[in-house]
Protein backbone atom coordinates (compact mmCIF):
# COMPACT_ATOMS: atom_id res chain seq x y z
CA MET A 1 -0.15 -0.04 -0.07
CA GLY A 2 2.63 2.34 0.64
CA PHE A 3 3.45 5.41 2.88
CA GLU A 4 0.05 7.18 4.04
CA PRO A 5 0.66 9.76 6.48
CA THR A 6 -1.70 10.72 9.21
CA HIS A 7 0.35 12.97 11.09
CA ILE A 8 3.07 15.68 10.82
CA ILE A 9 5.92 16.34 12.92
CA VAL A 10 7.69 19.93 13.38
CA HIS A 11 11.37 20.10 13.82
CA HIS A 12 14.08 22.59 14.19
CA SER A 13 17.64 22.17 12.86
CA LEU A 14 19.06 23.46 16.19
CA THR A 15 21.69 25.52 14.01
CA LYS A 16 21.73 29.16 13.38
CA ASP A 17 20.14 30.07 10.18
CA SER A 18 22.87 31.90 8.37
CA GLY A 19 20.55 33.17 5.44
CA THR A 20 22.33 30.95 2.95
CA VAL A 21 21.00 27.74 1.89
CA SER A 22 22.18 24.96 4.44
CA TRP A 23 19.78 22.41 3.51
CA SER A 24 22.25 20.61 1.21
CA ALA A 25 24.51 20.47 4.49
CA ILE A 26 21.78 18.82 6.49
CA ARG A 27 21.27 16.44 3.78
CA ASN A 28 24.84 15.67 3.53
CA TYR A 29 25.18 15.28 7.42
CA HIS A 30 22.23 12.74 7.19
CA MET A 31 23.90 10.77 4.28
CA THR A 32 27.51 10.75 5.43
CA GLU A 33 27.86 11.43 9.05
CA MET A 34 25.09 9.89 10.74
CA VAL A 35 24.93 6.26 11.96
CA PRO A 36 23.31 4.46 10.47
CA LYS A 37 23.82 6.81 7.23
CA MET A 38 20.59 7.58 5.21
CA HIS A 39 20.18 7.47 1.45
CA ASP A 40 18.52 11.03 1.61
CA ILE A 41 17.71 13.77 4.16
CA GLY A 42 15.45 12.53 6.75
CA TYR A 43 12.78 15.31 6.47
CA HIS A 44 10.22 15.61 3.86
CA ALA A 45 10.56 19.46 3.80
CA GLY A 46 12.24 22.43 5.19
CA ILE A 47 11.94 26.08 5.52
CA GLU A 48 15.00 28.24 5.73
CA LEU A 49 16.19 31.79 5.01
CA ALA A 50 17.86 32.03 1.57
CA GLY A 51 18.89 35.70 1.26
CA ALA A 52 15.99 37.85 2.44
CA GLU A 53 13.14 35.33 1.93
CA TYR A 54 12.13 32.19 3.65
CA GLU A 55 12.11 29.30 1.14
CA ALA A 56 10.17 25.86 1.46
CA LEU A 57 12.45 23.31 0.30
CA ILE A 58 11.98 19.70 -0.76
CA GLY A 59 13.29 16.83 1.31
CA ARG A 60 12.67 13.16 0.66
CA ALA A 61 9.76 12.12 -1.50
CA TRP A 62 6.57 12.73 0.10
CA ASP A 63 5.39 9.03 -0.71
CA GLU A 64 8.50 7.63 1.25
CA THR A 65 8.82 6.54 4.82
CA GLY A 66 10.79 9.35 6.96
CA ALA A 67 13.74 9.32 8.97
CA HIS A 68 13.00 12.08 11.42
CA CYS A 69 11.10 10.53 14.34
CA LYS A 70 11.72 6.82 14.74
CA GLU A 71 10.04 6.98 18.31
CA ARG A 72 6.63 5.36 18.48
CA GLY A 73 6.96 4.35 14.75
CA MET A 74 6.26 7.89 13.86
CA ASN A 75 8.50 7.76 10.71
CA HIS A 76 5.96 5.16 9.20
CA VAL A 77 2.79 7.46 9.77
CA ALA A 78 4.24 11.31 9.85
CA LEU A 79 5.56 13.55 7.38
CA GLY A 80 8.53 15.67 8.92
CA VAL A 81 9.27 19.23 8.07
CA CYS A 82 12.31 21.00 9.69
CA LEU A 83 12.52 24.69 10.27
CA VAL A 84 16.18 25.62 10.02
CA GLY A 85 16.99 27.75 13.42
CA ASN A 86 17.52 27.09 16.83
CA PHE A 87 14.30 27.64 18.63
CA ASP A 88 15.65 26.89 22.09
CA VAL A 89 17.14 30.36 21.86
CA THR A 90 14.52 32.56 20.26
CA PRO A 91 11.03 31.67 18.65
CA PRO A 92 10.84 31.13 14.87
CA PRO A 93 10.15 34.17 12.62
CA ASP A 94 6.71 34.85 11.75
CA ALA A 95 7.74 34.94 8.04
CA GLN A 96 9.02 31.64 8.55
CA LEU A 97 6.00 30.42 10.11
CA GLU A 98 3.68 31.84 7.39
CA VAL A 99 5.98 30.01 4.55
CA ALA A 100 5.99 26.80 6.69
CA ARG A 101 1.91 27.17 6.98
CA ASP A 102 1.00 28.31 3.27
CA ARG A 103 3.69 26.10 1.47
CA ILE A 104 3.92 22.81 3.40
CA LEU A 105 1.64 22.35 6.12
CA LEU A 106 -1.72 23.45 4.65
CA PRO A 107 -0.92 21.71 1.34
CA TRP A 108 -0.08 18.47 3.02
CA MET A 109 -3.13 18.81 5.64
CA ARG A 110 -5.30 19.03 2.34
CA TYR A 111 -3.57 16.35 0.15
CA TYR A 112 -3.47 13.71 2.98
CA ASN A 113 -6.55 14.78 4.92
CA ILE A 114 -4.52 15.40 8.03
CA ASP A 115 -6.28 17.73 10.85
CA ALA A 116 -4.50 20.28 12.75
CA GLY A 117 -4.78 18.18 15.74
CA SER A 118 -2.44 15.65 14.03
CA VAL A 119 0.40 18.30 13.63
CA HIS A 120 2.77 17.62 16.45
CA PRO A 121 6.24 18.86 17.92
CA HIS A 122 8.88 16.35 17.66
CA ARG A 123 9.20 16.57 21.62
CA LEU A 124 5.92 14.82 22.00
CA TYR A 125 7.64 11.78 20.98
CA ALA A 126 11.27 12.11 21.60
CA PRO A 127 12.97 13.20 25.07
CA LYS A 128 14.36 16.44 23.34
CA THR A 129 13.29 20.27 23.27
CA CYS A 130 12.57 19.89 19.45
CA PRO A 131 11.29 22.08 17.79
CA GLY A 132 12.88 24.24 20.63
CA THR A 133 11.41 25.62 23.82
CA ALA A 134 10.60 28.79 22.33
CA PHE A 135 8.55 27.15 19.91
CA THR A 136 5.14 27.15 21.83
CA GLY A 137 1.64 25.77 21.32
CA GLU A 138 0.32 29.53 21.66
CA LEU A 139 2.93 30.69 18.79
CA MET A 140 1.93 27.65 16.56
CA ALA A 141 -1.74 28.22 17.25
CA ARG A 142 -1.34 31.68 15.63
CA PHE A 143 -0.46 30.36 12.69
CA LEU A 144 -2.38 26.95 12.50
CA PRO A 145 -5.40 27.23 14.27
CA GLY A 146 -6.98 24.05 15.58
CA ILE A 147 -3.76 22.31 16.94
CA ASP A 148 -3.82 20.74 20.28
CA GLN A 149 -1.69 23.01 22.37
CA ARG A 150 -1.45 20.39 25.14
CA TYR A 151 1.11 18.58 22.72
CA TRP A 152 3.20 21.64 22.39
CA ARG A 153 3.94 21.99 26.15
């Protein structure tokens, strides 16, 4: 039957966004440095600052199982999106969240019939702060009404 996502997991890169495209560096890290090595980047999409604008970037194929959240089998049921930045330090910028919503989250939600309550932070499944302690449910709800903010604490 193939990969049929029912959830979306939101991540951050935990790196500073330099304003230049580092998506290829993340892909390279996943493919050459991680153990075990991956055949592609683990996320299905990313959003980062490229020059003066935030850009939505393609990751692994949407119809392919992810490699972004192994806990509780989420790679097999969730699309993964990574916002480039360290949101333990500061919250993601509104412009980045707008691009995430308009070019990634809402299209995925429409295409796969995923409701906002099934958009979760990585930290819900893994013992980490991802997508960052400053990336709160209240902030996410401003851009994606209907999320379950309890999952974002």
